[in-house]
Structure formats: C-alpha cells, structure tokens
C-alpha cells in the first residue's frame, strides 16, 4: 500500500485543517496556521507510515502550528497611537561639562579633529594624517595647536 500524492492529501483534508485553524485562532490568522501546517506536513510526508491515519496526523500538526502562530501573535508588538516620551538611554556628553564642549567647538575643524582623534581616541599622528588628508607633521602640529588653544579657552581650576 502506498501513500496518495501529497496534492490529493491537501485537496481532501485542506478544508478540515482550515476549520481546525479557524476554531483555534479565529478567521484572521487561520490562513497562516493552515499554510504552516501543510509546509510541515510536506516535509514529514515522505517518512509517514503507509497505514497512518492522515486525518489525525494533519489535525495534530494543525493544532501545534495554530498554537505556534498564536504564541507569535502574543509576542508581536502592538501598534500604539502615540509613543510615550522616554529619556535617552545614553546621556549627552555635553551635559557633563558644557564649557569644555563649547571650547572644543570653538577650535578650527582640523584642530578639533586632531585633538579628538589623538587625545580621545588614542590614534597615532600617522593615522590622523591619513584621516585628515595631510602629513604626519601637520597632524602633530594641529593636535598641539588645538591643545594649546583649548588650554586658553578652557582653563582648569587648580584649587
């Protein structure tokens, strides 16, 4: 005895599987469970015993797929009309010392970049030169000049 072609199984038991999915999930989400049922069944069909009860086998798969779809729906985000205001998880560094950030902002762009790349990121002057498109000496000079200007614009309290 051989199993019927899978297309015949879908044609014969498809409406019954859809009824099961509708009963568990409702009419809106039943189609997803129905298609998931037959995809799972198609994968397992070649290994099914020839004397297996196909209807019971499909109902079991449909039941499990309907539960899976239902779980996925409960985990899905729910659209909201408006989103609540939330503070940023990452604070703005300018909030710590606005005077320092204002002094950095006052530097010419190449000096500001050289200072940031060298003193904040720890890059060597040769890599800074590549980033800025100039020589290593020019990068070193920009970092030094930027630091000198920062010391004038942002004097530390030594008290």
Protein backbone atom coordinates (compact mmCIF):
# COMPACT_ATOMS: atom_id res chain seq x y z
CA UNK A 1 0.00 0.00 0.00
CA UNK A 2 1.30 3.48 -0.91
CA UNK A 3 0.51 6.94 0.37
CA UNK A 4 -1.55 9.08 -2.00
CA UNK A 5 0.22 12.01 -3.68
CA UNK A 6 0.53 14.98 -1.37
CA UNK A 7 -1.60 17.16 -3.67
CA UNK A 8 -4.52 14.79 -3.08
CA UNK A 9 -3.98 14.98 0.68
CA UNK A 10 -4.13 18.79 0.53
CA UNK A 11 -7.26 18.73 -1.62
CA UNK A 12 -9.03 16.20 0.61
CA UNK A 13 -8.02 17.41 4.07
CA UNK A 14 -7.34 21.11 3.41
CA UNK A 15 -10.85 22.32 4.34
CA UNK A 16 -10.83 20.28 7.56
CA UNK A 17 -7.39 21.67 8.54
CA UNK A 18 -8.62 25.21 7.85
CA UNK A 19 -11.65 24.62 10.11
CA UNK A 20 -9.34 23.45 12.91
CA UNK A 21 -7.10 26.50 12.48
CA UNK A 22 -10.11 28.84 12.45
CA UNK A 23 -11.50 27.23 15.59
CA UNK A 24 -8.23 27.73 17.45
CA UNK A 25 -7.14 31.12 16.09
CA UNK A 26 -10.16 32.77 14.52
CA UNK A 27 -10.67 33.66 10.87
CA UNK A 28 -7.98 36.34 10.61
CA UNK A 29 -4.91 34.27 11.46
CA UNK A 30 -6.10 30.83 10.37
CA UNK A 31 -4.57 31.05 6.90
CA UNK A 32 -1.06 31.39 8.35
CA UNK A 33 -1.52 28.31 10.51
CA UNK A 34 -3.05 26.41 7.58
CA UNK A 35 -0.05 27.10 5.34
CA UNK A 36 2.39 26.32 8.15
CA UNK A 37 0.56 23.02 8.71
CA UNK A 38 0.94 21.91 5.14
CA UNK A 39 4.56 23.06 4.90
CA UNK A 40 5.37 20.96 7.97
CA UNK A 41 3.34 18.06 6.63
CA UNK A 42 5.08 18.24 3.25
CA UNK A 43 8.48 17.92 4.92
CA UNK A 44 7.39 14.91 7.01
CA UNK A 45 5.14 13.22 4.44
CA UNK A 46 7.81 11.03 2.80
CA UNK A 47 8.57 9.40 6.18
CA UNK A 48 4.92 8.82 7.15
CA UNK A 49 3.87 5.18 7.63
CA UNK A 50 1.63 3.92 4.86
CA UNK A 51 -1.01 2.79 7.36
CA UNK A 52 -1.03 6.10 9.32
CA UNK A 53 -4.27 7.97 9.92
CA UNK A 54 -3.58 11.02 7.71
CA UNK A 55 -6.51 12.99 9.08
CA UNK A 56 -5.40 12.61 12.72
CA UNK A 57 -1.80 13.31 11.72
CA UNK A 58 -2.80 16.56 10.00
CA UNK A 59 -5.05 17.64 12.91
CA UNK A 60 -2.11 17.15 15.29
CA UNK A 61 0.16 19.25 13.07
CA UNK A 62 -2.57 21.90 12.61
CA UNK A 63 -3.10 22.09 16.36
CA UNK A 64 0.62 22.59 17.00
CA UNK A 65 1.02 25.16 14.21
CA UNK A 66 -2.03 27.07 15.44
CA UNK A 67 -0.50 27.23 18.90
CA UNK A 68 2.79 28.45 17.38
CA UNK A 69 1.02 31.17 15.40
CA UNK A 70 -0.98 32.17 18.49
CA UNK A 71 2.20 32.46 20.55
CA UNK A 72 3.87 34.53 17.86
CA UNK A 73 0.87 36.86 17.81
CA UNK A 74 1.01 37.41 21.56
CA UNK A 75 4.69 38.32 21.29
CA UNK A 76 4.22 40.67 18.35
CA UNK A 77 4.39 44.38 19.04
CA UNK A 78 1.09 46.19 19.29
CA UNK A 79 0.83 49.44 17.35
CA UNK A 80 0.20 52.47 19.51
CA UNK A 81 -1.47 55.74 18.62
CA UNK A 82 1.27 57.76 20.32
CA UNK A 83 4.53 56.72 21.88
CA UNK A 84 5.35 57.73 25.44
CA UNK A 85 8.21 60.14 26.00
CA UNK A 86 11.31 58.39 27.29
CA UNK A 87 14.61 59.92 28.26
CA UNK A 88 17.58 58.94 26.17
CA UNK A 89 19.46 55.91 27.47
CA UNK A 90 22.77 57.50 26.51
CA UNK A 91 23.32 60.89 28.14
CA UNK A 92 24.74 63.72 26.08
CA UNK A 93 28.45 64.21 26.89
CA UNK A 94 27.96 67.98 26.60
CA UNK A 95 25.78 67.80 29.72
CA UNK A 96 28.82 66.89 31.86
CA UNK A 97 30.88 69.98 31.08
CA UNK A 98 29.24 72.36 28.63
CA UNK A 99 32.18 74.80 28.84
CA UNK A 100 34.64 72.15 27.64
CA UNK A 101 32.40 71.21 24.73
CA UNK A 102 31.96 74.86 23.81
CA UNK A 103 35.75 75.29 23.82
CA UNK A 104 36.15 72.23 21.59
CA UNK A 105 33.52 73.57 19.25
CA UNK A 106 35.42 76.87 19.00
CA UNK A 107 38.52 75.13 17.60
CA UNK A 108 39.08 75.10 13.84
CA UNK A 109 37.85 71.81 12.34
CA UNK A 110 41.29 70.23 11.70
CA UNK A 111 42.50 71.08 15.20
CA UNK A 112 39.27 69.79 16.77
CA UNK A 113 39.53 66.55 14.81
CA UNK A 114 43.23 66.10 15.57
CA UNK A 115 42.64 66.66 19.30
CA UNK A 116 39.70 64.25 19.32
CA UNK A 117 41.46 61.55 17.31
CA UNK A 118 44.70 61.74 19.27
CA UNK A 119 43.67 62.53 22.85
CA UNK A 120 40.23 60.91 22.95
CA UNK A 121 40.59 58.01 20.52
CA UNK A 122 44.31 57.44 21.08
CA UNK A 123 45.23 57.32 17.39
CA UNK A 124 48.87 57.94 16.43
CA UNK A 125 49.65 61.03 14.38
CA UNK A 126 50.33 58.96 11.24
CA UNK A 127 46.76 57.60 11.25
CA UNK A 128 45.35 61.05 11.99
CA UNK A 129 47.28 62.37 8.97
CA UNK A 130 45.59 59.77 6.76
CA UNK A 131 42.15 60.69 8.12
CA UNK A 132 42.72 64.42 7.69
CA UNK A 133 44.50 64.11 4.35
CA UNK A 134 47.73 65.79 5.41
CA UNK A 135 51.22 64.89 6.64
CA UNK A 136 52.15 63.37 9.99
CA UNK A 137 53.88 66.61 10.95
CA UNK A 138 50.78 68.63 10.08
CA UNK A 139 48.61 66.28 12.16
CA UNK A 140 51.02 66.58 15.10
CA UNK A 141 51.03 70.38 14.73
CA UNK A 142 47.20 70.53 14.54
CA UNK A 143 46.87 68.43 17.69
CA UNK A 144 49.43 70.54 19.56
CA UNK A 145 47.89 73.82 18.42
CA UNK A 146 44.43 72.58 19.28
CA UNK A 147 45.53 71.56 22.76
CA UNK A 148 47.25 74.92 23.27
CA UNK A 149 44.11 76.78 22.21
CA UNK A 150 41.95 74.60 24.45
CA UNK A 151 44.13 75.45 27.44
CA UNK A 152 43.49 79.13 26.77
CA UNK A 153 39.76 78.75 26.13
CA UNK A 154 39.15 76.27 28.94
CA UNK A 155 41.42 76.96 31.89
CA UNK A 156 41.25 74.35 34.64
CA UNK A 157 40.63 75.41 38.20
CA UNK A 158 43.72 74.42 40.15
CA UNK A 159 42.05 74.91 43.53
